[in-house]
Amino acid sequence: MSTDPITRWHALAAARDAAALDDLVADDAVFQSPAVHTPQAGKPLVLAYLKAALAVLGNDSFRYLGEWRGERSAVLEFEATLDGMYVNGVDMIRWNEAGRITHFKVMVRPVKGLQALIARMAERLQALQKG
């Protein structure tokens, strides 16, 4: 298994392997959603959002278009179709020295795609809370 967090992220996203997230996300991680004003802090919340996103966006139309890297950061551009709506966005990811994700920020466009994503994410997060 690769120790590079972005290689690991690509592999789990392609496999839609939400179980692999636990080893990839740091305990003090923060998730920033385009739909929620407040950053979601702590591993349990970050895992919930990432699992929901994998379920909602993880369809056959999802693909990464580009990748830009820093020393311990990366920006990944993606696109997908969701409920007939085109969604284009970026995942801005930072990780610690241990290779665990510490910060995951998502930005999405166009507004109609974001609205479709918000509705589906809310449904999925509620389902995850129920069990």
Protein backbone atom coordinates (compact mmCIF):
# COMPACT_ATOMS: atom_id res chain seq x y z
CA MET A 1 0.00 0.00 0.00
CA SER A 2 1.27 3.45 -0.90
CA THR A 3 2.10 5.88 1.88
CA ASP A 4 1.27 8.87 -0.33
CA PRO A 5 -2.11 10.13 0.92
CA ILE A 6 -3.28 11.32 -2.50
CA THR A 7 -2.46 7.98 -4.14
CA ARG A 8 -4.38 6.31 -1.31
CA TRP A 9 -7.27 8.80 -1.74
CA HIS A 10 -7.49 8.10 -5.48
CA ALA A 11 -7.51 4.33 -4.83
CA LEU A 12 -10.26 4.46 -2.21
CA ALA A 13 -12.33 6.92 -4.27
CA ALA A 14 -12.08 4.68 -7.35
CA ALA A 15 -13.02 1.61 -5.30
CA ARG A 16 -15.63 3.56 -3.31
CA ASP A 17 -13.98 2.04 -0.24
CA ALA A 18 -15.30 4.15 2.65
CA ALA A 19 -13.78 1.70 5.17
CA ALA A 20 -10.27 2.74 4.05
CA LEU A 21 -10.93 6.31 5.20
CA ASP A 22 -10.34 5.47 8.86
CA ASP A 23 -6.61 4.88 8.29
CA LEU A 24 -6.26 7.93 6.06
CA VAL A 25 -7.87 10.65 8.19
CA ALA A 26 -6.11 12.19 11.21
CA ASP A 27 -7.90 12.42 14.57
CA ASP A 28 -7.78 16.25 14.47
CA ALA A 29 -8.93 16.57 10.84
CA VAL A 30 -11.22 19.36 9.65
CA PHE A 31 -13.71 19.22 6.76
CA GLN A 32 -14.98 22.37 5.04
CA SER A 33 -18.13 21.94 2.99
CA PRO A 34 -19.43 24.36 0.37
CA ALA A 35 -22.84 23.99 2.04
CA VAL A 36 -21.95 24.43 5.71
CA HIS A 37 -20.54 27.68 7.10
CA THR A 38 -18.81 26.12 10.11
CA PRO A 39 -15.81 23.84 9.60
CA GLN A 40 -16.57 20.29 10.72
CA ALA A 41 -13.80 19.39 13.18
CA GLY A 42 -12.76 15.98 14.40
CA LYS A 43 -12.33 12.62 12.76
CA PRO A 44 -15.92 11.37 13.28
CA LEU A 45 -17.43 14.38 11.48
CA VAL A 46 -14.84 14.33 8.71
CA LEU A 47 -15.43 10.61 8.16
CA ALA A 48 -19.20 11.18 8.00
CA TYR A 49 -18.86 13.89 5.34
CA LEU A 50 -16.32 11.97 3.27
CA LYS A 51 -18.36 8.74 3.41
CA ALA A 52 -21.47 10.66 2.35
CA ALA A 53 -19.57 12.31 -0.51
CA LEU A 54 -18.23 8.95 -1.71
CA ALA A 55 -21.76 7.57 -1.74
CA VAL A 56 -23.36 10.62 -3.38
CA LEU A 57 -20.71 11.44 -6.00
CA GLY A 58 -19.35 7.93 -6.46
CA ASN A 59 -21.19 7.13 -9.65
CA ASP A 60 -19.90 6.19 -13.10
CA SER A 61 -19.73 9.84 -14.18
CA PHE A 62 -17.28 10.88 -11.45
CA ARG A 63 -13.71 11.55 -12.52
CA TYR A 64 -10.73 13.65 -11.53
CA LEU A 65 -9.61 16.11 -14.20
CA GLY A 66 -6.41 17.53 -12.75
CA GLU A 67 -4.09 17.56 -9.77
CA TRP A 68 -1.77 20.21 -8.34
CA ARG A 69 0.56 19.44 -5.46
CA GLY A 70 2.51 21.19 -2.76
CA GLU A 71 4.82 19.61 -0.19
CA ARG A 72 1.98 18.28 1.98
CA SER A 73 -1.05 19.48 0.06
CA ALA A 74 -2.92 18.88 -3.16
CA VAL A 75 -5.80 20.32 -5.13
CA LEU A 76 -7.82 17.81 -7.14
CA GLU A 77 -10.36 19.01 -9.72
CA PHE A 78 -13.33 16.72 -10.29
CA GLU A 79 -16.53 16.49 -12.28
CA ALA A 80 -19.65 14.34 -12.07
CA THR A 81 -23.29 14.31 -13.03
CA LEU A 82 -25.74 14.24 -10.15
CA ASP A 83 -29.49 13.99 -10.73
CA GLY A 84 -28.92 15.18 -14.30
CA MET A 85 -26.94 18.19 -13.04
CA TYR A 86 -23.30 18.83 -13.96
CA VAL A 87 -21.09 19.23 -10.90
CA ASN A 88 -17.53 20.57 -11.11
CA GLY A 89 -15.36 21.20 -8.09
CA VAL A 90 -12.09 20.93 -6.28
CA ASP A 91 -10.92 18.98 -3.26
CA MET A 92 -8.23 20.92 -1.38
CA ILE A 93 -6.39 18.43 0.82
CA ARG A 94 -3.61 18.86 3.38
CA TRP A 95 -1.92 16.12 5.39
CA ASN A 96 0.48 15.73 8.28
CA GLU A 97 3.96 14.15 8.45
CA ALA A 98 2.38 10.75 9.07
CA GLY A 99 0.51 10.97 5.74
CA ARG A 100 -2.92 11.41 7.32
CA ILE A 101 -5.38 13.97 6.02
CA THR A 102 -5.71 16.94 8.38
CA HIS A 103 -7.80 19.29 6.25
CA PHE A 104 -10.25 18.61 3.43
CA LYS A 105 -12.01 21.56 1.77
CA VAL A 106 -14.49 21.16 -1.08
CA MET A 107 -15.58 23.89 -3.47
CA VAL A 108 -18.32 23.21 -6.06
CA ARG A 109 -19.88 24.94 -9.05
CA PRO A 110 -22.27 25.73 -10.74
CA VAL A 111 -24.88 26.77 -8.21
CA LYS A 112 -27.49 24.30 -9.55
CA GLY A 113 -24.96 21.49 -9.22
CA LEU A 114 -24.18 22.63 -5.69
CA GLN A 115 -27.89 22.68 -4.83
CA ALA A 116 -28.31 19.12 -6.08
CA LEU A 117 -25.24 18.07 -4.11
CA ILE A 118 -26.49 19.76 -0.92
CA ALA A 119 -29.83 17.94 -1.08
CA ARG A 120 -28.24 14.53 -1.69
CA MET A 121 -25.55 15.04 0.97
CA ALA A 122 -28.18 16.02 3.55
CA GLU A 123 -30.12 12.82 2.79
CA ARG A 124 -26.99 10.68 3.04
CA LEU A 125 -25.75 12.30 6.26
CA GLN A 126 -29.16 11.72 7.86
CA ALA A 127 -29.07 8.08 6.77
CA LEU A 128 -25.59 7.66 8.26
CA GLN A 129 -26.76 9.14 11.58
CA LYS A 130 -29.65 6.68 11.75
CA GLY A 131 -27.32 3.78 11.47
